[in-house]
Amino acid sequence: MSPRHEEERMRMEVVNRIENVIKELWPNADVQIFGSFKTGLYLPTSDIDLVVFGKWETLPLWTLEEALRKHNVADENSVKVLDKATVPIIKLTDSFTEVKVDISFNVQNGVKAAQLIKDFIKKYPVLPYLVLVLKQFLLQRDLNEVFTGGIGSYSLFLMAVSFLQLHPREDACTPNANYGVLLIEFFELYGRHFNYLKTGIRIKDGGSYVAKDEVQKSMLDGYRPSMLYIEDPLQPGNDVGRSSYGAMQVNRSLIMPMLFEPCYVSPITTKLLSQQTKLER
């Protein structure tokens, strides 16, 4: 599932074609890659995320959309401008490769998140293996798209980081760890034992679980933590999992692999149940 050199080269050609159009319009604009293509955690079906930095009075979404059509960079029927979205973007499919691309403007968080992911991969070498398999697992069940209620790449990555941060076995984070055992323990944690109603995930300061009741006290009136509450380590007030309204459907899919495993309680489950009991007290 890991990307090959040919795939990376092909995707860079897509980026270069789009960047050439952008530079023709705004020579001083800065085009950066973020998301799974930047971190290397992309599947063959994953899209490319680009962000354009520059100075405009209003975001030039329609100007770029027209230029992309004019240069035949994008498939004619694929270009869409989502100017009413929380983060306005242009969505398109490359004419030559059929790779999907999302383009945003002046959004810093994506670039910062890509660096955060790279830092965690250095700390936990097992992460790429675990995350790629889990992404494919969700993709095969149509549970990998946030706009349909699934779990996005960033949320999934943070769930995996939390899983490793709080793992009771020290050898779980080493390059020699048994990836198969870790995968089953991930399913066991988030499929069987994680209390989605009362517990949230926090990554910063070495990782911990947080009581949703405590989180809600600091939120504005009328707001409450989502079913899959994941505190954004780059922006603590942001709930990364808030758009994953199908979190319990994902939870059910994670249970399925465990139905074929012997019923036992692993060390990570014992630790989780202990921590959740303390939160509920």
C-alpha atoms as a PDB file:
ATOM      1  CA  MET A   1       0.000   0.000   0.000  1.00  0.00           C
ATOM      2  CA  SER A   2       2.972   2.325   0.443  1.00  0.00           C
ATOM      3  CA  PRO A   3       3.466   4.756  -2.440  1.00  0.00           C
ATOM      4  CA  ARG A   4       6.076   3.830  -5.022  1.00  0.00           C
ATOM      5  CA  HIS A   5       8.572   6.199  -6.588  1.00  0.00           C
ATOM      6  CA  GLU A   6       6.559   6.308  -9.821  1.00  0.00           C
ATOM      7  CA  GLU A   7       3.429   7.375  -7.945  1.00  0.00           C
ATOM      8  CA  GLU A   8       5.277  10.150  -6.157  1.00  0.00           C
ATOM      9  CA  ARG A   9       6.779  11.411  -9.422  1.00  0.00           C
ATOM     10  CA  MET A  10       3.374  11.371 -11.136  1.00  0.00           C
ATOM     11  CA  ARG A  11       1.809  13.350  -8.290  1.00  0.00           C
ATOM     12  CA  MET A  12       4.614  15.890  -8.318  1.00  0.00           C
ATOM     13  CA  GLU A  13       3.934  16.443 -12.032  1.00  0.00           C
ATOM     14  CA  VAL A  14       0.304  17.224 -11.131  1.00  0.00           C
ATOM     15  CA  VAL A  15       1.484  19.710  -8.494  1.00  0.00           C
ATOM     16  CA  ASN A  16       3.879  21.342 -10.971  1.00  0.00           C
ATOM     17  CA  ARG A  17       1.149  21.791 -13.605  1.00  0.00           C
ATOM     18  CA  ILE A  18      -1.136  23.497 -11.116  1.00  0.00           C
ATOM     19  CA  GLU A  19       1.684  25.574  -9.635  1.00  0.00           C
ATOM     20  CA  ASN A  20       2.615  26.845 -13.116  1.00  0.00           C
ATOM     21  CA  VAL A  21      -0.939  28.152 -13.602  1.00  0.00           C
ATOM     22  CA  ILE A  22      -0.893  29.814 -10.177  1.00  0.00           C
ATOM     23  CA  LYS A  23       2.511  31.428 -10.773  1.00  0.00           C
ATOM     24  CA  GLU A  24       1.313  32.783 -14.107  1.00  0.00           C
ATOM     25  CA  LEU A  25      -1.537  34.536 -12.294  1.00  0.00           C
ATOM     26  CA  TRP A  26       0.391  35.596  -9.180  1.00  0.00           C
ATOM     27  CA  PRO A  27       4.201  35.342  -9.539  1.00  0.00           C
ATOM     28  CA  ASN A  28       4.772  36.013  -5.831  1.00  0.00           C
ATOM     29  CA  ALA A  29       2.310  33.392  -4.589  1.00  0.00           C
ATOM     30  CA  ASP A  30       3.677  30.533  -2.473  1.00  0.00           C
ATOM     31  CA  VAL A  31       2.267  27.066  -3.202  1.00  0.00           C
ATOM     32  CA  GLN A  32       2.753  24.392  -0.541  1.00  0.00           C
ATOM     33  CA  ILE A  33       1.756  20.749  -0.246  1.00  0.00           C
ATOM     34  CA  PHE A  34       0.203  19.410   2.944  1.00  0.00           C
ATOM     35  CA  GLY A  35      -1.893  16.425   3.975  1.00  0.00           C
ATOM     36  CA  SER A  36      -1.110  12.780   3.260  1.00  0.00           C
ATOM     37  CA  PHE A  37       0.981  13.477   0.151  1.00  0.00           C
ATOM     38  CA  LYS A  38       3.302  15.661   2.216  1.00  0.00           C
ATOM     39  CA  THR A  39       3.646  13.087   4.996  1.00  0.00           C
ATOM     40  CA  GLY A  40       3.870  10.032   2.715  1.00  0.00           C
ATOM     41  CA  LEU A  41       0.806   8.410   4.322  1.00  0.00           C
ATOM     42  CA  TYR A  42      -1.294   8.362   1.154  1.00  0.00           C
ATOM     43  CA  LEU A  43      -3.069   5.535  -0.623  1.00  0.00           C
ATOM     44  CA  PRO A  44      -3.276   5.287  -4.433  1.00  0.00           C
ATOM     45  CA  THR A  45      -6.771   6.791  -4.226  1.00  0.00           C
ATOM     46  CA  SER A  46      -5.816   9.681  -1.916  1.00  0.00           C
ATOM     47  CA  ASP A  47      -6.117  13.255  -3.141  1.00  0.00           C
ATOM     48  CA  ILE A  48      -3.451  15.978  -3.110  1.00  0.00           C
ATOM     49  CA  ASP A  49      -3.876  18.935  -0.757  1.00  0.00           C
ATOM     50  CA  LEU A  50      -2.403  22.270  -1.833  1.00  0.00           C
ATOM     51  CA  VAL A  51      -2.505  25.662  -0.146  1.00  0.00           C
ATOM     52  CA  VAL A  52      -1.715  28.959  -1.850  1.00  0.00           C
ATOM     53  CA  PHE A  53      -0.330  31.826   0.227  1.00  0.00           C
ATOM     54  CA  GLY A  54      -0.612  35.386  -1.040  1.00  0.00           C
ATOM     55  CA  LYS A  55      -2.246  38.781  -0.523  1.00  0.00           C
ATOM     56  CA  TRP A  56      -5.796  39.269  -1.847  1.00  0.00           C
ATOM     57  CA  GLU A  57      -8.716  41.379  -0.660  1.00  0.00           C
ATOM     58  CA  THR A  58     -11.031  38.445  -1.358  1.00  0.00           C
ATOM     59  CA  LEU A  59     -10.010  34.861  -1.989  1.00  0.00           C
ATOM     60  CA  PRO A  60      -9.526  34.429  -5.772  1.00  0.00           C
ATOM     61  CA  LEU A  61     -11.287  31.068  -5.989  1.00  0.00           C
ATOM     62  CA  TRP A  62     -13.153  31.814  -9.212  1.00  0.00           C
ATOM     63  CA  THR A  63     -10.118  33.434 -10.865  1.00  0.00           C
ATOM     64  CA  LEU A  64      -8.038  30.302 -10.346  1.00  0.00           C
ATOM     65  CA  GLU A  65     -10.934  28.053 -11.354  1.00  0.00           C
ATOM     66  CA  GLU A  66     -11.225  29.870 -14.700  1.00  0.00           C
ATOM     67  CA  ALA A  67      -7.460  29.668 -15.296  1.00  0.00           C
ATOM     68  CA  LEU A  68      -7.358  25.923 -14.556  1.00  0.00           C
ATOM     69  CA  ARG A  69     -10.115  25.340 -17.105  1.00  0.00           C
ATOM     70  CA  LYS A  70      -8.393  27.577 -19.665  1.00  0.00           C
ATOM     71  CA  HIS A  71      -5.109  25.631 -19.403  1.00  0.00           C
ATOM     72  CA  ASN A  72      -6.921  22.254 -19.505  1.00  0.00           C
ATOM     73  CA  VAL A  73      -5.230  21.237 -16.265  1.00  0.00           C
ATOM     74  CA  ALA A  74      -8.465  19.927 -14.783  1.00  0.00           C
ATOM     75  CA  ASP A  75     -11.090  17.636 -16.217  1.00  0.00           C
ATOM     76  CA  GLU A  76     -13.847  19.983 -17.432  1.00  0.00           C
ATOM     77  CA  ASN A  77     -16.643  18.463 -15.340  1.00  0.00           C
ATOM     78  CA  SER A  78     -14.587  17.957 -12.197  1.00  0.00           C
ATOM     79  CA  VAL A  79     -13.816  21.549 -11.157  1.00  0.00           C
ATOM     80  CA  LYS A  80     -15.915  22.711  -8.218  1.00  0.00           C
ATOM     81  CA  VAL A  81     -15.614  25.864  -6.137  1.00  0.00           C
ATOM     82  CA  LEU A  82     -16.827  25.375  -2.567  1.00  0.00           C
ATOM     83  CA  ASP A  83     -16.872  29.020  -1.542  1.00  0.00           C
ATOM     84  CA  LYS A  84     -19.423  28.555   1.265  1.00  0.00           C
ATOM     85  CA  ALA A  85     -17.445  25.854   3.076  1.00  0.00           C
ATOM     86  CA  THR A  86     -15.808  26.512   6.458  1.00  0.00           C
ATOM     87  CA  VAL A  87     -12.518  26.443   4.567  1.00  0.00           C
ATOM     88  CA  PRO A  88     -13.282  27.537   0.973  1.00  0.00           C
ATOM     89  CA  ILE A  89     -11.571  25.269  -1.557  1.00  0.00           C
ATOM     90  CA  ILE A  90     -11.358  24.377  -5.221  1.00  0.00           C
ATOM     91  CA  LYS A  91     -11.805  20.670  -5.952  1.00  0.00           C
ATOM     92  CA  LEU A  92     -10.630  19.201  -9.256  1.00  0.00           C
ATOM     93  CA  THR A  93      -9.460  16.067 -11.015  1.00  0.00           C
ATOM     94  CA  ASP A  94      -6.243  16.255 -13.020  1.00  0.00           C
ATOM     95  CA  SER A  95      -6.884  15.743 -16.749  1.00  0.00           C
ATOM     96  CA  PHE A  96      -3.896  13.455 -17.334  1.00  0.00           C
ATOM     97  CA  THR A  97      -3.698  11.282 -14.225  1.00  0.00           C
ATOM     98  CA  GLU A  98      -7.237  11.507 -12.746  1.00  0.00           C
ATOM     99  CA  VAL A  99      -5.664  12.341  -9.377  1.00  0.00           C
ATOM    100  CA  LYS A 100      -7.995  14.480  -7.260  1.00  0.00           C
ATOM    101  CA  VAL A 101      -6.721  17.787  -5.875  1.00  0.00           C
ATOM    102  CA  ASP A 102      -8.039  20.205  -3.217  1.00  0.00           C
ATOM    103  CA  ILE A 103      -6.731  23.795  -3.299  1.00  0.00           C
ATOM    104  CA  SER A 104      -7.187  26.259  -0.420  1.00  0.00           C
ATOM    105  CA  PHE A 105      -5.873  29.757   0.252  1.00  0.00           C
ATOM    106  CA  ASN A 106      -3.903  31.191   3.214  1.00  0.00           C
ATOM    107  CA  VAL A 107      -4.681  28.302   5.589  1.00  0.00           C
ATOM    108  CA  GLN A 108      -1.739  27.686   7.932  1.00  0.00           C
ATOM    109  CA  ASN A 109      -3.030  24.734   9.950  1.00  0.00           C
ATOM    110  CA  GLY A 110      -2.613  22.122   7.215  1.00  0.00           C
ATOM    111  CA  VAL A 111       1.093  22.847   6.787  1.00  0.00           C
ATOM    112  CA  LYS A 112       1.633  22.841  10.566  1.00  0.00           C
ATOM    113  CA  ALA A 113      -0.272  19.553  10.906  1.00  0.00           C
ATOM    114  CA  ALA A 114       1.936  17.911   8.258  1.00  0.00           C
ATOM    115  CA  GLN A 115       5.036  18.846  10.266  1.00  0.00           C
ATOM    116  CA  LEU A 116       3.428  17.575  13.476  1.00  0.00           C
ATOM    117  CA  ILE A 117       2.723  14.230  11.794  1.00  0.00           C
ATOM    118  CA  LYS A 118       6.315  13.941  10.581  1.00  0.00           C
ATOM    119  CA  ASP A 119       7.559  14.621  14.119  1.00  0.00           C
ATOM    120  CA  PHE A 120       5.350  11.882  15.568  1.00  0.00           C
ATOM    121  CA  ILE A 121       6.480   9.413  12.876  1.00  0.00           C
ATOM    122  CA  LYS A 122      10.093   9.988  13.995  1.00  0.00           C
ATOM    123  CA  LYS A 123       9.060   9.281  17.576  1.00  0.00           C
ATOM    124  CA  TYR A 124       6.873   6.261  16.753  1.00  0.00           C
ATOM    125  CA  PRO A 125       8.322   4.374  13.729  1.00  0.00           C
ATOM    126  CA  VAL A 126       5.369   1.951  13.750  1.00  0.00           C
ATOM    127  CA  LEU A 127       2.874   4.726  12.886  1.00  0.00           C
ATOM    128  CA  PRO A 128       3.092   4.610   9.054  1.00  0.00           C
ATOM    129  CA  TYR A 129       2.423   0.858   8.993  1.00  0.00           C
ATOM    130  CA  LEU A 130      -0.485   1.073  11.383  1.00  0.00           C
ATOM    131  CA  VAL A 131      -2.053   4.157   9.769  1.00  0.00           C
ATOM    132  CA  LEU A 132      -1.809   2.894   6.153  1.00  0.00           C
ATOM    133  CA  VAL A 133      -3.556  -0.376   7.021  1.00  0.00           C
ATOM    134  CA  LEU A 134      -6.250   1.454   8.996  1.00  0.00           C
ATOM    135  CA  LYS A 135      -6.811   3.943   6.143  1.00  0.00           C
ATOM    136  CA  GLN A 136      -7.291   1.065   3.706  1.00  0.00           C
ATOM    137  CA  PHE A 137      -9.591  -0.675   6.201  1.00  0.00           C
ATOM    138  CA  LEU A 138     -11.839   2.418   6.408  1.00  0.00           C
ATOM    139  CA  LEU A 139     -11.640   3.068   2.646  1.00  0.00           C
ATOM    140  CA  GLN A 140     -12.977  -0.420   1.872  1.00  0.00           C
ATOM    141  CA  ARG A 141     -15.982   0.317   4.108  1.00  0.00           C
ATOM    142  CA  ASP A 142     -16.615   3.862   2.782  1.00  0.00           C
ATOM    143  CA  LEU A 143     -15.834   5.284   6.223  1.00  0.00           C
ATOM    144  CA  ASN A 144     -12.808   7.406   5.309  1.00  0.00           C
ATOM    145  CA  GLU A 145     -14.480  10.644   4.152  1.00  0.00           C
ATOM    146  CA  VAL A 146     -15.341  13.336   6.694  1.00  0.00           C
ATOM    147  CA  PHE A 147     -18.082  14.862   4.510  1.00  0.00           C
ATOM    148  CA  THR A 148     -20.006  11.554   4.743  1.00  0.00           C
ATOM    149  CA  GLY A 149     -19.455  11.275   8.508  1.00  0.00           C
ATOM    150  CA  GLY A 150     -16.378   9.065   8.384  1.00  0.00           C
ATOM    151  CA  ILE A 151     -12.977   9.533   9.975  1.00  0.00           C
ATOM    152  CA  GLY A 152     -10.494  11.728   8.129  1.00  0.00           C
ATOM    153  CA  SER A 153      -6.760  11.086   7.900  1.00  0.00           C
ATOM    154  CA  TYR A 154      -5.817  13.602  10.600  1.00  0.00           C
ATOM    155  CA  SER A 155      -8.325  12.216  13.113  1.00  0.00           C
ATOM    156  CA  LEU A 156      -7.235   8.642  12.404  1.00  0.00           C
ATOM    157  CA  PHE A 157      -3.591   9.592  12.815  1.00  0.00           C
ATOM    158  CA  LEU A 158      -4.250  11.275  16.180  1.00  0.00           C
ATOM    159  CA  MET A 159      -6.209   8.224  17.357  1.00  0.00           C
ATOM    160  CA  ALA A 160      -3.198   6.055  16.483  1.00  0.00           C
ATOM    161  CA  VAL A 161      -0.812   8.449  18.254  1.00  0.00           C
ATOM    162  CA  SER A 162      -2.978   8.387  21.394  1.00  0.00           C
ATOM    163  CA  PHE A 163      -3.109   4.585  21.214  1.00  0.00           C
ATOM    164  CA  LEU A 164       0.712   4.416  21.224  1.00  0.00           C
ATOM    165  CA  GLN A 165       1.211   7.212  23.782  1.00  0.00           C
ATOM    166  CA  LEU A 166      -0.917   5.388  26.348  1.00  0.00           C
ATOM    167  CA  HIS A 167       0.167   1.845  25.487  1.00  0.00           C
ATOM    168  CA  PRO A 168       1.345   0.042  28.628  1.00  0.00           C
ATOM    169  CA  ARG A 169       4.046  -2.000  26.833  1.00  0.00           C
ATOM    170  CA  GLU A 170       7.263  -0.084  26.195  1.00  0.00           C
ATOM    171  CA  ASP A 171       8.171  -2.301  23.224  1.00  0.00           C
ATOM    172  CA  ALA A 172       4.944  -1.259  21.433  1.00  0.00           C
ATOM    173  CA  CYS A 173       6.652   1.899  20.153  1.00  0.00           C
ATOM    174  CA  THR A 174       9.884   0.293  18.929  1.00  0.00           C
ATOM    175  CA  PRO A 175      10.664  -0.602  15.284  1.00  0.00           C
ATOM    176  CA  ASN A 176      10.661  -4.294  16.287  1.00  0.00           C
ATOM    177  CA  ALA A 177       7.080  -4.228  17.587  1.00  0.00           C
ATOM    178  CA  ASN A 178       4.645  -6.854  16.332  1.00  0.00           C
ATOM    179  CA  TYR A 179       2.460  -4.830  13.957  1.00  0.00           C
ATOM    180  CA  GLY A 180      -0.263  -7.473  13.815  1.00  0.00           C
ATOM    181  CA  VAL A 181      -0.674  -7.485  17.590  1.00  0.00           C
ATOM    182  CA  LEU A 182      -0.796  -3.682  17.628  1.00  0.00           C
ATOM    183  CA  LEU A 183      -3.472  -3.651  14.925  1.00  0.00           C
ATOM    184  CA  ILE A 184      -5.683  -6.070  16.873  1.00  0.00           C
ATOM    185  CA  GLU A 185      -5.146  -4.044  20.044  1.00  0.00           C
ATOM    186  CA  PHE A 186      -6.171  -0.878  18.175  1.00  0.00           C
ATOM    187  CA  PHE A 187      -9.393  -2.624  17.080  1.00  0.00           C
ATOM    188  CA  GLU A 188      -9.919  -3.847  20.631  1.00  0.00           C
ATOM    189  CA  LEU A 189      -9.440  -0.378  22.106  1.00  0.00           C
ATOM    190  CA  TYR A 190     -11.623   1.673  19.761  1.00  0.00           C
ATOM    191  CA  GLY A 191     -14.027  -1.117  18.810  1.00  0.00           C
ATOM    192  CA  ARG A 192     -14.816  -2.637  22.191  1.00  0.00           C
ATOM    193  CA  HIS A 193     -13.715  -0.598  25.157  1.00  0.00           C
ATOM    194  CA  PHE A 194     -13.389   3.117  24.417  1.00  0.00           C
ATOM    195  CA  ASN A 195     -16.197   5.090  26.086  1.00  0.00           C
ATOM    196  CA  TYR A 196     -17.216   7.475  23.288  1.00  0.00           C
ATOM    197  CA  LEU A 197     -20.009   9.015  25.377  1.00  0.00           C
ATOM    198  CA  LYS A 198     -17.858  10.202  28.265  1.00  0.00           C
ATOM    199  CA  THR A 199     -14.242  10.215  27.094  1.00  0.00           C
ATOM    200  CA  GLY A 200     -12.208  12.394  24.722  1.00  0.00           C
ATOM    201  CA  ILE A 201      -8.667  12.167  23.365  1.00  0.00           C
ATOM    202  CA  ARG A 202      -5.844  14.581  24.158  1.00  0.00           C
ATOM    203  CA  ILE A 203      -2.431  14.342  22.439  1.00  0.00           C
ATOM    204  CA  LYS A 204      -0.427  17.165  23.986  1.00  0.00           C
ATOM    205  CA  ASP A 205       1.816  16.759  27.057  1.00  0.00           C
ATOM    206  CA  GLY A 206       2.436  13.082  26.407  1.00  0.00           C
ATOM    207  CA  GLY A 207      -1.208  12.154  25.848  1.00  0.00           C
ATOM    208  CA  SER A 208      -4.179  11.500  28.102  1.00  0.00           C
ATOM    209  CA  TYR A 209      -7.919  10.905  28.105  1.00  0.00           C
ATOM    210  CA  VAL A 210     -10.200  13.783  29.073  1.00  0.00           C
ATOM    211  CA  ALA A 211     -13.689  13.751  30.573  1.00  0.00           C
ATOM    212  CA  LYS A 212     -16.182  15.324  28.167  1.00  0.00           C
ATOM    213  CA  ASP A 213     -18.038  16.895  31.098  1.00  0.00           C
ATOM    214  CA  GLU A 214     -14.908  18.884  31.924  1.00  0.00           C
ATOM    215  CA  VAL A 215     -14.372  19.859  28.279  1.00  0.00           C
ATOM    216  CA  GLN A 216     -17.944  21.115  27.962  1.00  0.00           C
ATOM    217  CA  LYS A 217     -17.479  23.542  30.858  1.00  0.00           C
ATOM    218  CA  SER A 218     -14.981  25.509  28.780  1.00  0.00           C
ATOM    219  CA  MET A 219     -17.122  25.511  25.612  1.00  0.00           C
ATOM    220  CA  LEU A 220     -19.560  28.226  24.531  1.00  0.00           C
ATOM    221  CA  ASP A 221     -23.229  27.869  25.439  1.00  0.00           C
ATOM    222  CA  GLY A 222     -25.040  25.384  23.260  1.00  0.00           C
ATOM    223  CA  TYR A 223     -21.891  23.540  22.210  1.00  0.00           C
ATOM    224  CA  ARG A 224     -20.780  20.156  23.435  1.00  0.00           C
ATOM    225  CA  PRO A 225     -17.950  17.749  22.580  1.00  0.00           C
ATOM    226  CA  SER A 226     -18.632  15.533  19.561  1.00  0.00           C
ATOM    227  CA  MET A 227     -19.061  11.767  19.805  1.00  0.00           C
ATOM    228  CA  LEU A 228     -15.450  11.358  18.683  1.00  0.00           C
ATOM    229  CA  TYR A 229     -13.865  14.224  20.603  1.00  0.00           C
ATOM    230  CA  ILE A 230     -10.194  14.695  19.684  1.00  0.00           C
ATOM    231  CA  GLU A 231      -8.511  17.837  20.962  1.00  0.00           C
ATOM    232  CA  ASP A 232      -6.424  19.452  18.223  1.00  0.00           C
ATOM    233  CA  PRO A 233      -2.819  19.622  19.529  1.00  0.00           C
ATOM    234  CA  LEU A 234      -2.211  22.670  17.321  1.00  0.00           C
ATOM    235  CA  GLN A 235      -5.407  24.490  18.337  1.00  0.00           C
ATOM    236  CA  PRO A 236      -6.720  23.185  21.690  1.00  0.00           C
ATOM    237  CA  GLY A 237     -10.188  24.730  21.262  1.00  0.00           C
ATOM    238  CA  ASN A 238     -10.721  22.827  18.021  1.00  0.00           C
ATOM    239  CA  ASP A 239     -12.455  19.431  18.076  1.00  0.00           C
ATOM    240  CA  VAL A 240     -10.844  17.482  15.209  1.00  0.00           C
ATOM    241  CA  GLY A 241     -13.511  14.770  15.276  1.00  0.00           C
ATOM    242  CA  ARG A 242     -16.544  17.097  15.263  1.00  0.00           C
ATOM    243  CA  SER A 243     -17.480  16.330  11.633  1.00  0.00           C
ATOM    244  CA  SER A 244     -17.245  12.563  12.052  1.00  0.00           C
ATOM    245  CA  TYR A 245     -20.947  12.151  12.794  1.00  0.00           C
ATOM    246  CA  GLY A 246     -20.723   8.483  11.735  1.00  0.00           C
ATOM    247  CA  ALA A 247     -18.229   7.695  14.499  1.00  0.00           C
ATOM    248  CA  MET A 248     -20.383   4.923  15.951  1.00  0.00           C
ATOM    249  CA  GLN A 249     -20.647   3.265  12.536  1.00  0.00           C
ATOM    250  CA  VAL A 250     -16.848   3.293  12.450  1.00  0.00           C
ATOM    251  CA  ASN A 251     -16.885   1.880  15.971  1.00  0.00           C
ATOM    252  CA  ARG A 252     -19.055  -1.034  14.794  1.00  0.00           C
ATOM    253  CA  SER A 253     -16.706  -1.727  11.874  1.00  0.00           C
ATOM    254  CA  LEU A 254     -13.764  -1.897  14.282  1.00  0.00           C
ATOM    255  CA  ILE A 255     -15.607  -4.481  16.372  1.00  0.00           C
ATOM    256  CA  MET A 256     -15.904  -6.928  13.456  1.00  0.00           C
ATOM    257  CA  PRO A 257     -12.242  -8.084  13.336  1.00  0.00           C
ATOM    258  CA  MET A 258     -12.431  -8.739  17.074  1.00  0.00           C
ATOM    259  CA  LEU A 259     -15.305 -11.204  16.643  1.00  0.00           C
ATOM    260  CA  PHE A 260     -12.780 -13.704  15.329  1.00  0.00           C
ATOM    261  CA  GLU A 261     -10.326 -13.245  18.194  1.00  0.00           C
ATOM    262  CA  PRO A 262     -10.327 -15.120  21.514  1.00  0.00           C
ATOM    263  CA  CYS A 263     -12.080 -13.137  24.227  1.00  0.00           C
ATOM    264  CA  TYR A 264      -9.347 -11.862  26.493  1.00  0.00           C
ATOM    265  CA  VAL A 265      -8.439  -8.601  28.167  1.00  0.00           C
ATOM    266  CA  SER A 266      -5.110  -7.210  26.979  1.00  0.00           C
ATOM    267  CA  PRO A 267      -2.834  -4.899  29.027  1.00  0.00           C
ATOM    268  CA  ILE A 268      -3.926  -1.860  27.011  1.00  0.00           C
ATOM    269  CA  THR A 269      -7.579  -2.581  27.792  1.00  0.00           C
ATOM    270  CA  THR A 270      -6.828  -2.903  31.503  1.00  0.00           C
ATOM    271  CA  LYS A 271      -5.040   0.460  31.458  1.00  0.00           C
ATOM    272  CA  LEU A 272      -7.807   2.162  29.459  1.00  0.00           C
ATOM    273  CA  LEU A 273     -10.577   0.903  31.732  1.00  0.00           C
ATOM    274  CA  SER A 274      -8.615   2.079  34.769  1.00  0.00           C
ATOM    275  CA  GLN A 275      -8.135   5.573  33.309  1.00  0.00           C
ATOM    276  CA  GLN A 276     -11.755   5.885  32.200  1.00  0.00           C
ATOM    277  CA  THR A 277     -12.949   4.814  35.660  1.00  0.00           C
ATOM    278  CA  LYS A 278     -10.869   7.617  37.202  1.00  0.00           C
ATOM    279  CA  LEU A 279     -12.376  10.150  34.779  1.00  0.00           C
ATOM    280  CA  GLU A 280     -15.922   9.034  35.578  1.00  0.00           C
ATOM    281  CA  ARG A 281     -15.248   9.460  39.296  1.00  0.00           C
END
